[in-house]
C-alpha cells in the first residue's frame, strides 16, 4: 500500500470473505473501501448507486461462481462506498460540508493515490456510474476501462429533479420510511421482480429492504442531493478514449439516459447491452446476464476466465452459467443461442437534442 500523507490515513480491519475494510481519510472526509484480492493484480474499482453499498449493489454479481473466475481471480477489487453508506455507518456530522459530484470523483482519485494505483478499471451503477465516469473524464490517463450499469451522464431532467426533491423531503421529515423504500426499489428493480411473486416478495427484494433499513437517512440525503445537482458530462465523454461497456435494464428509469450516453461516445470503444426484463440494478437482478459480455470486453485487455472455474456446474435453470473459451468466435455466440436475455442495441451516432 502507498504511503500516507497528512491528509490521508487508513485504518484496516479484517472483513468477511477474506477482504479488508479500510477507512481512508481524504481531504473531503472519510471514505470506506473494501479491498478484496491480491494487491499485486490489476485494480477494479466499484461504486454503488444511491442508498446502496458494495454488499447490496454488487453481491449478486461477485458471488456468481463464474464471476469469481473472471473478476476475483484476475483483479484486486476495491469497493468504494459513498460517504456514510458503509456497513454500520453513523450519521455524518452536520458540520461537515456537503460534497459535490466533483468532490466525490476527486475522493476516488485520492483513494487510488493512497493504494499506489496508477491505472484502474471501473464499475459503477447509476449514481456510482456517474461518479466514476466523471472521474474518468477528469483523470483520463488513470482509467483503462469502464463497466457502467444503467449510467447517467446528463443534468437531471425537470421530472427527475422534482422527483428527487420529493425523495429528499421524505428523507428529511420521515427518514427511511416505507414510501421511500418503495420509491428506491422502483429505481433499482423491474416490476416483474417487485410484483412477480403472488405469495411473497423475492429474496432479492426482501434483502434489499433490510439493507435499506440500515441506511442513515441524512447520509443518503447528502449523496442524493449531490447527484440531483450534477452537471452534464457530454463534452467530456466525446473526448474519452477508454473502452466502455454499458449495461442497461430494459425497465430501468434511466434507460434513455444510458442509450444517449452510448450514442455520444466513440462507437469504436463503446458497447451497449440491454438486459431484458430487468431494472437498473442489473448486478443484483440478472447478474448472470453480465458475465458473457464482460468476458468478451475483458478479452480485449488480455483478461480471460480461469480454467478451474470455466466449467461451473449449472444451478437450476440458469442458462447464463456457460463456459466460453477464446477459441470460439464471438459472432457464433448469439444471445438467443446462449439462452440469456440480452439484446445488443444499435443506436445512431448522434441524437438530436
Protein backbone atom coordinates (compact mmCIF):
# COMPACT_ATOMS: atom_id res chain seq x y z
CA UNK A 1 0.00 0.00 0.00
CA UNK A 2 1.05 3.55 -0.63
CA UNK A 3 2.49 5.98 1.85
CA UNK A 4 0.02 8.18 3.66
CA UNK A 5 0.30 11.93 3.85
CA UNK A 6 -1.00 14.46 6.33
CA UNK A 7 -4.36 14.47 4.58
CA UNK A 8 -4.72 10.73 4.04
CA UNK A 9 -4.74 7.99 6.64
CA UNK A 10 -6.06 4.45 6.86
CA UNK A 11 -7.49 2.02 9.38
CA UNK A 12 -7.75 -1.60 8.29
CA UNK A 13 -9.78 -4.41 9.90
CA UNK A 14 -10.33 -7.89 8.58
CA UNK A 15 -13.78 -8.18 7.00
CA UNK A 16 -15.90 -11.10 5.71
CA UNK A 17 -14.92 -13.02 2.56
CA UNK A 18 -11.23 -12.57 3.29
CA UNK A 19 -11.18 -8.89 2.41
CA UNK A 20 -10.10 -5.85 4.37
CA UNK A 21 -12.27 -2.94 5.39
CA UNK A 22 -10.33 0.30 5.02
CA UNK A 23 -11.27 3.71 6.34
CA UNK A 24 -9.38 6.26 4.27
CA UNK A 25 -9.33 9.87 5.42
CA UNK A 26 -9.33 12.13 2.37
CA UNK A 27 -9.31 15.89 2.10
CA UNK A 28 -13.11 15.78 1.81
CA UNK A 29 -13.74 13.38 4.68
CA UNK A 30 -13.52 9.69 5.47
CA UNK A 31 -14.40 7.15 2.82
CA UNK A 32 -14.76 3.40 3.26
CA UNK A 33 -13.04 0.97 0.89
CA UNK A 34 -13.44 -2.81 0.99
CA UNK A 35 -10.35 -4.42 -0.56
CA UNK A 36 -10.66 -7.98 -1.81
CA UNK A 37 -7.93 -9.94 -3.58
CA UNK A 38 -4.25 -9.87 -4.38
CA UNK A 39 -2.89 -6.32 -4.20
CA UNK A 40 -0.42 -7.17 -6.95
CA UNK A 41 -3.15 -7.77 -9.54
CA UNK A 42 -4.82 -5.12 -11.72
CA UNK A 43 -7.31 -2.97 -9.83
CA UNK A 44 -11.07 -2.90 -10.36
CA UNK A 45 -12.85 -0.01 -8.62
CA UNK A 46 -16.58 -0.23 -7.88
CA UNK A 47 -19.05 2.45 -6.78
CA UNK A 48 -22.72 1.74 -5.91
CA UNK A 49 -25.95 3.62 -6.51
CA UNK A 50 -27.76 5.93 -4.08
CA UNK A 51 -28.59 4.35 -0.68
CA UNK A 52 -26.63 1.18 -1.51
CA UNK A 53 -23.19 -0.07 -0.53
CA UNK A 54 -20.91 -2.69 -2.03
CA UNK A 55 -22.82 -5.60 -0.47
CA UNK A 56 -26.30 -4.52 -1.55
CA UNK A 57 -25.17 -3.39 -5.02
CA UNK A 58 -22.54 -5.91 -6.16
CA UNK A 59 -23.02 -9.02 -4.00
CA UNK A 60 -25.21 -10.78 -6.57
CA UNK A 61 -22.60 -10.37 -9.29
CA UNK A 62 -19.46 -11.15 -7.31
CA UNK A 63 -20.97 -14.23 -5.63
CA UNK A 64 -21.62 -15.85 -9.02
CA UNK A 65 -19.05 -18.68 -9.33
CA UNK A 66 -18.30 -17.73 -12.93
CA UNK A 67 -17.76 -14.11 -11.90
CA UNK A 68 -15.18 -15.32 -9.41
CA UNK A 69 -13.21 -16.99 -12.20
CA UNK A 70 -13.38 -13.84 -14.32
CA UNK A 71 -13.18 -10.96 -11.83
CA UNK A 72 -11.95 -12.14 -8.44
CA UNK A 73 -9.21 -14.30 -9.97
CA UNK A 74 -7.88 -11.58 -12.29
CA UNK A 75 -8.34 -8.39 -10.26
CA UNK A 76 -7.91 -6.89 -6.85
CA UNK A 77 -11.32 -5.37 -6.12
CA UNK A 78 -11.60 -2.01 -4.40
CA UNK A 79 -15.25 -1.47 -3.40
CA UNK A 80 -15.68 2.24 -2.63
CA UNK A 81 -18.79 3.20 -0.67
CA UNK A 82 -20.17 6.72 -0.80
CA UNK A 83 -19.54 8.71 2.41
CA UNK A 84 -21.77 7.41 5.19
CA UNK A 85 -23.04 4.43 3.18
CA UNK A 86 -20.71 1.75 4.56
CA UNK A 87 -21.94 -1.01 6.85
CA UNK A 88 -22.55 0.31 10.35
CA UNK A 89 -22.06 3.94 9.35
CA UNK A 90 -23.18 6.63 11.75
CA UNK A 91 -24.75 9.93 10.81
CA UNK A 92 -22.29 12.31 9.16
CA UNK A 93 -21.83 15.38 11.34
CA UNK A 94 -23.87 18.36 10.16
CA UNK A 95 -20.72 20.49 10.35
CA UNK A 96 -19.16 18.51 7.51
CA UNK A 97 -19.74 20.43 4.23
CA UNK A 98 -21.93 18.86 1.57
CA UNK A 99 -19.91 17.23 -1.20
CA UNK A 100 -20.44 17.88 -4.89
CA UNK A 101 -20.10 15.19 -7.55
CA UNK A 102 -16.69 16.64 -8.37
CA UNK A 103 -15.66 16.21 -4.72
CA UNK A 104 -16.78 12.57 -4.84
CA UNK A 105 -14.81 11.96 -8.04
CA UNK A 106 -11.74 13.58 -6.50
CA UNK A 107 -12.11 11.28 -3.49
CA UNK A 108 -11.78 8.32 -5.85
CA UNK A 109 -8.52 9.80 -7.13
CA UNK A 110 -7.25 10.15 -3.54
CA UNK A 111 -8.09 6.52 -2.81
CA UNK A 112 -6.08 5.48 -5.86
CA UNK A 113 -3.18 7.66 -4.74
CA UNK A 114 -3.16 6.04 -1.33
CA UNK A 115 -3.06 2.50 -2.65
CA UNK A 116 -0.48 3.47 -5.26
CA UNK A 117 -2.78 2.66 -8.17
CA UNK A 118 -1.86 4.35 -11.45
CA UNK A 119 -4.36 2.76 -13.84
CA UNK A 120 -7.63 1.04 -12.96
CA UNK A 121 -10.79 -0.48 -14.33
CA UNK A 122 -14.05 0.96 -13.02
CA UNK A 123 -17.52 -0.49 -12.46
CA UNK A 124 -20.40 1.68 -11.27
CA UNK A 125 -24.18 1.59 -11.03
CA UNK A 126 -26.31 4.65 -11.93
CA UNK A 127 -25.15 7.35 -9.46
CA UNK A 128 -21.93 5.40 -8.93
CA UNK A 129 -21.56 5.09 -12.69
CA UNK A 130 -21.87 8.87 -13.00
CA UNK A 131 -19.19 9.46 -10.36
CA UNK A 132 -16.76 7.01 -11.98
CA UNK A 133 -17.49 8.44 -15.44
CA UNK A 134 -16.78 11.92 -14.11
CA UNK A 135 -13.60 10.55 -12.56
CA UNK A 136 -12.65 9.10 -15.96
CA UNK A 137 -13.20 12.43 -17.73
CA UNK A 138 -11.13 14.31 -15.13
CA UNK A 139 -8.34 11.71 -14.85
CA UNK A 140 -8.39 10.13 -18.30
CA UNK A 141 -4.88 8.70 -18.04
CA UNK A 142 -5.85 6.66 -14.98
CA UNK A 143 -8.80 4.69 -16.38
CA UNK A 144 -8.21 1.66 -18.59
CA UNK A 145 -11.83 0.60 -18.99
CA UNK A 146 -15.33 1.41 -17.77
CA UNK A 147 -18.13 -1.06 -17.00
CA UNK A 148 -21.24 1.01 -16.35
CA UNK A 149 -24.66 -0.26 -15.26
CA UNK A 150 -27.68 1.91 -16.12
CA UNK A 151 -25.48 5.02 -16.17
CA UNK A 152 -26.50 8.69 -16.29
CA UNK A 153 -24.41 11.46 -17.81
CA UNK A 154 -26.65 14.49 -18.33
CA UNK A 155 -28.08 17.02 -15.92
CA UNK A 156 -31.29 15.73 -14.33
CA UNK A 157 -34.43 16.44 -16.29
CA UNK A 158 -37.06 18.57 -14.60
CA UNK A 159 -39.05 15.41 -13.91
CA UNK A 160 -36.11 13.67 -12.24
CA UNK A 161 -35.12 16.83 -10.38
CA UNK A 162 -38.61 17.26 -8.90
CA UNK A 163 -38.88 13.56 -8.10
CA UNK A 164 -35.55 13.65 -6.27
CA UNK A 165 -36.73 16.72 -4.35
CA UNK A 166 -39.72 14.69 -3.14
CA UNK A 167 -37.36 11.92 -2.03
CA UNK A 168 -35.16 14.45 -0.23
CA UNK A 169 -38.18 15.78 1.66
CA UNK A 170 -39.24 12.26 2.60
CA UNK A 171 -35.74 11.54 3.88
CA UNK A 172 -35.64 14.76 5.89
CA UNK A 173 -39.07 14.51 7.52
CA UNK A 174 -39.72 10.75 7.71
CA UNK A 175 -36.35 9.04 7.31
CA UNK A 176 -36.16 5.64 5.61
CA UNK A 177 -39.95 5.20 5.65
CA UNK A 178 -41.97 2.63 3.75
CA UNK A 179 -42.89 5.01 0.93
CA UNK A 180 -39.26 6.00 0.39
CA UNK A 181 -38.16 2.38 0.26
CA UNK A 182 -40.82 1.67 -2.35
CA UNK A 183 -39.51 4.56 -4.45
CA UNK A 184 -35.96 3.25 -4.20
CA UNK A 185 -37.00 -0.30 -5.03
CA UNK A 186 -38.75 1.09 -8.10
CA UNK A 187 -35.47 2.80 -9.02
CA UNK A 188 -33.49 -0.44 -8.69
CA UNK A 189 -35.71 -3.30 -9.85
CA UNK A 190 -38.20 -4.19 -12.56
CA UNK A 191 -41.92 -4.50 -11.89
CA UNK A 192 -41.63 -8.23 -12.67
CA UNK A 193 -39.28 -8.76 -9.75
CA UNK A 194 -41.14 -6.44 -7.37
CA UNK A 195 -44.59 -7.88 -8.06
CA UNK A 196 -43.88 -11.14 -9.84
CA UNK A 197 -44.45 -13.44 -6.86
CA UNK A 198 -48.05 -13.72 -5.72
CA UNK A 199 -47.46 -15.15 -2.26
CA UNK A 200 -44.30 -13.40 -1.11
CA UNK A 201 -41.60 -10.98 -2.19
CA UNK A 202 -38.47 -12.40 -3.77
CA UNK A 203 -35.41 -12.93 -1.61
CA UNK A 204 -33.65 -10.14 -3.53
CA UNK A 205 -36.34 -7.59 -2.66
CA UNK A 206 -36.51 -8.69 0.97
CA UNK A 207 -32.73 -8.47 1.34
CA UNK A 208 -32.69 -5.00 -0.21
CA UNK A 209 -35.42 -3.82 2.17
CA UNK A 210 -33.40 -4.98 5.16
CA UNK A 211 -30.26 -3.28 3.90
CA UNK A 212 -32.14 -0.02 3.26
CA UNK A 213 -33.33 -0.11 6.88
CA UNK A 214 -29.67 0.13 7.94
CA UNK A 215 -29.01 3.32 5.95
CA UNK A 216 -28.78 6.64 7.74
CA UNK A 217 -31.36 8.84 6.03
CA UNK A 218 -29.31 12.03 6.42
CA UNK A 219 -26.31 10.38 4.76
CA UNK A 220 -28.48 9.25 1.85
CA UNK A 221 -29.78 12.82 1.57
CA UNK A 222 -26.27 14.15 1.09
CA UNK A 223 -25.49 11.80 -1.78
CA UNK A 224 -28.87 12.22 -3.45
CA UNK A 225 -28.55 16.00 -3.27
CA UNK A 226 -25.13 15.85 -4.92
CA UNK A 227 -26.49 13.65 -7.71
CA UNK A 228 -29.51 15.94 -8.14
CA UNK A 229 -27.10 18.85 -8.73
CA UNK A 230 -24.86 17.00 -11.19
CA UNK A 231 -23.65 18.60 -14.40
CA UNK A 232 -23.63 17.40 -18.00
CA UNK A 233 -20.70 15.18 -18.99
CA UNK A 234 -21.43 15.17 -22.73
CA UNK A 235 -18.39 17.20 -23.79
CA UNK A 236 -16.05 15.14 -21.63
CA UNK A 237 -17.46 11.86 -22.93
CA UNK A 238 -16.73 12.87 -26.53
CA UNK A 239 -13.05 13.11 -25.58
CA UNK A 240 -12.97 9.86 -23.59
CA UNK A 241 -10.70 7.18 -25.08
CA UNK A 242 -11.06 4.25 -22.67
CA UNK A 243 -13.11 1.24 -23.75
CA UNK A 244 -16.57 1.28 -22.21
CA UNK A 245 -19.17 -1.45 -21.70
CA UNK A 246 -22.64 -0.19 -20.80
CA UNK A 247 -25.41 -2.39 -19.40
CA UNK A 248 -28.92 -1.06 -19.07
CA UNK A 249 -32.03 -2.77 -17.79
CA UNK A 250 -34.93 -2.71 -20.22
CA UNK A 251 -37.20 -1.46 -17.41
CA UNK A 252 -34.71 0.99 -15.91
CA UNK A 253 -35.94 4.56 -15.29
CA UNK A 254 -32.56 5.59 -16.75
CA UNK A 255 -32.87 3.60 -19.95
CA UNK A 256 -32.99 6.67 -22.22
CA UNK A 257 -30.01 8.23 -20.40
CA UNK A 258 -27.91 5.12 -20.95
CA UNK A 259 -28.80 4.92 -24.65
CA UNK A 260 -27.95 8.61 -25.04
CA UNK A 261 -24.61 8.13 -23.29
CA UNK A 262 -23.63 5.33 -25.66
CA UNK A 263 -24.73 7.37 -28.69
CA UNK A 264 -22.42 10.31 -27.98
CA UNK A 265 -19.36 8.19 -27.29
CA UNK A 266 -16.95 6.92 -29.92
CA UNK A 267 -18.69 3.81 -31.27
CA UNK A 268 -15.33 2.11 -31.71
CA UNK A 269 -14.81 1.99 -27.96
CA UNK A 270 -18.35 1.92 -26.54
CA UNK A 271 -20.74 -1.04 -26.44
CA UNK A 272 -24.30 -1.02 -25.14
CA UNK A 273 -26.08 -4.16 -23.94
CA UNK A 274 -29.73 -4.20 -22.95
CA UNK A 275 -30.80 -6.73 -20.33
CA UNK A 276 -34.42 -7.58 -20.86
CA UNK A 277 -36.99 -7.81 -18.06
CA UNK A 278 -34.62 -6.01 -15.72
CA UNK A 279 -34.45 -2.73 -13.81
CA UNK A 280 -31.43 -0.53 -13.17
CA UNK A 281 -29.68 -2.84 -10.73
CA UNK A 282 -28.59 -5.49 -13.22
CA UNK A 283 -25.82 -6.62 -10.84
CA UNK A 284 -28.48 -7.96 -8.45
CA UNK A 285 -31.48 -8.72 -10.63
CA UNK A 286 -29.79 -10.54 -13.54
CA UNK A 287 -26.06 -10.80 -12.70
CA UNK A 288 -25.53 -13.88 -14.89
CA UNK A 289 -26.53 -11.83 -17.93
CA UNK A 290 -23.44 -9.64 -17.42
CA UNK A 291 -20.85 -12.40 -17.48
CA UNK A 292 -20.52 -13.17 -21.20
CA UNK A 293 -20.41 -9.52 -22.37
CA UNK A 294 -17.87 -8.75 -19.64
CA UNK A 295 -15.78 -11.72 -20.66
CA UNK A 296 -15.52 -10.55 -24.27
CA UNK A 297 -14.92 -6.98 -23.12
CA UNK A 298 -12.04 -8.02 -20.88
CA UNK A 299 -10.55 -10.26 -23.56
CA UNK A 300 -9.57 -7.04 -25.28
CA UNK A 301 -7.28 -6.34 -22.31
CA UNK A 302 -5.84 -9.85 -22.21
CA UNK A 303 -8.01 -10.93 -19.27
CA UNK A 304 -9.59 -14.38 -19.51
CA UNK A 305 -11.77 -16.59 -17.38
CA UNK A 306 -9.63 -19.05 -15.48
CA UNK A 307 -9.86 -22.79 -16.37
CA UNK A 308 -10.67 -24.07 -12.84
CA UNK A 309 -13.92 -22.08 -12.92
CA UNK A 310 -14.66 -22.22 -16.62
CA UNK A 311 -16.96 -25.25 -16.39
CA UNK A 312 -19.07 -24.40 -13.36
CA UNK A 313 -21.99 -26.72 -12.82
CA UNK A 314 -25.39 -25.34 -13.68
CA UNK A 315 -27.77 -24.38 -10.89
CA UNK A 316 -31.41 -24.86 -11.65
CA UNK A 317 -32.43 -23.43 -15.00
CA UNK A 318 -29.94 -20.55 -15.09
CA UNK A 319 -28.69 -20.61 -18.70
CA UNK A 320 -26.08 -17.89 -18.34
CA UNK A 321 -23.71 -20.21 -16.50
CA UNK A 322 -21.96 -21.34 -19.68
CA UNK A 323 -18.29 -21.83 -20.39
CA UNK A 324 -16.83 -19.65 -23.13
CA UNK A 325 -13.34 -20.22 -24.42
CA UNK A 326 -11.27 -17.84 -26.51
CA UNK A 327 -11.18 -20.35 -29.35
CA UNK A 328 -14.89 -19.76 -30.01
CA UNK A 329 -15.61 -16.90 -32.39
CA UNK A 330 -17.75 -14.23 -30.71
CA UNK A 331 -20.03 -13.96 -33.75
CA UNK A 332 -21.09 -17.58 -33.25
CA UNK A 333 -22.41 -16.85 -29.79
CA UNK A 334 -25.69 -15.00 -30.21
CA UNK A 335 -27.64 -14.18 -27.03
CA UNK A 336 -30.53 -16.32 -28.24
CA UNK A 337 -28.35 -19.38 -28.77
CA UNK A 338 -26.92 -18.97 -25.31
CA UNK A 339 -30.37 -18.72 -23.79
CA UNK A 340 -29.77 -15.44 -21.99
CA UNK A 341 -31.93 -12.35 -22.14
CA UNK A 342 -29.55 -9.96 -23.81
CA UNK A 343 -30.28 -7.69 -26.72
CA UNK A 344 -27.47 -5.57 -28.19
CA UNK A 345 -28.68 -2.12 -29.21
CA UNK A 346 -27.56 -0.24 -32.29
CA UNK A 347 -28.00 3.48 -31.80
CA UNK A 348 -27.45 6.47 -34.02
CA UNK A 349 -24.08 8.14 -33.76
CA UNK A 350 -25.85 11.32 -32.68
CA UNK A 351 -29.17 12.07 -31.10
CA UNK A 352 -30.90 15.36 -31.63
CA UNK A 353 -31.27 17.42 -28.50
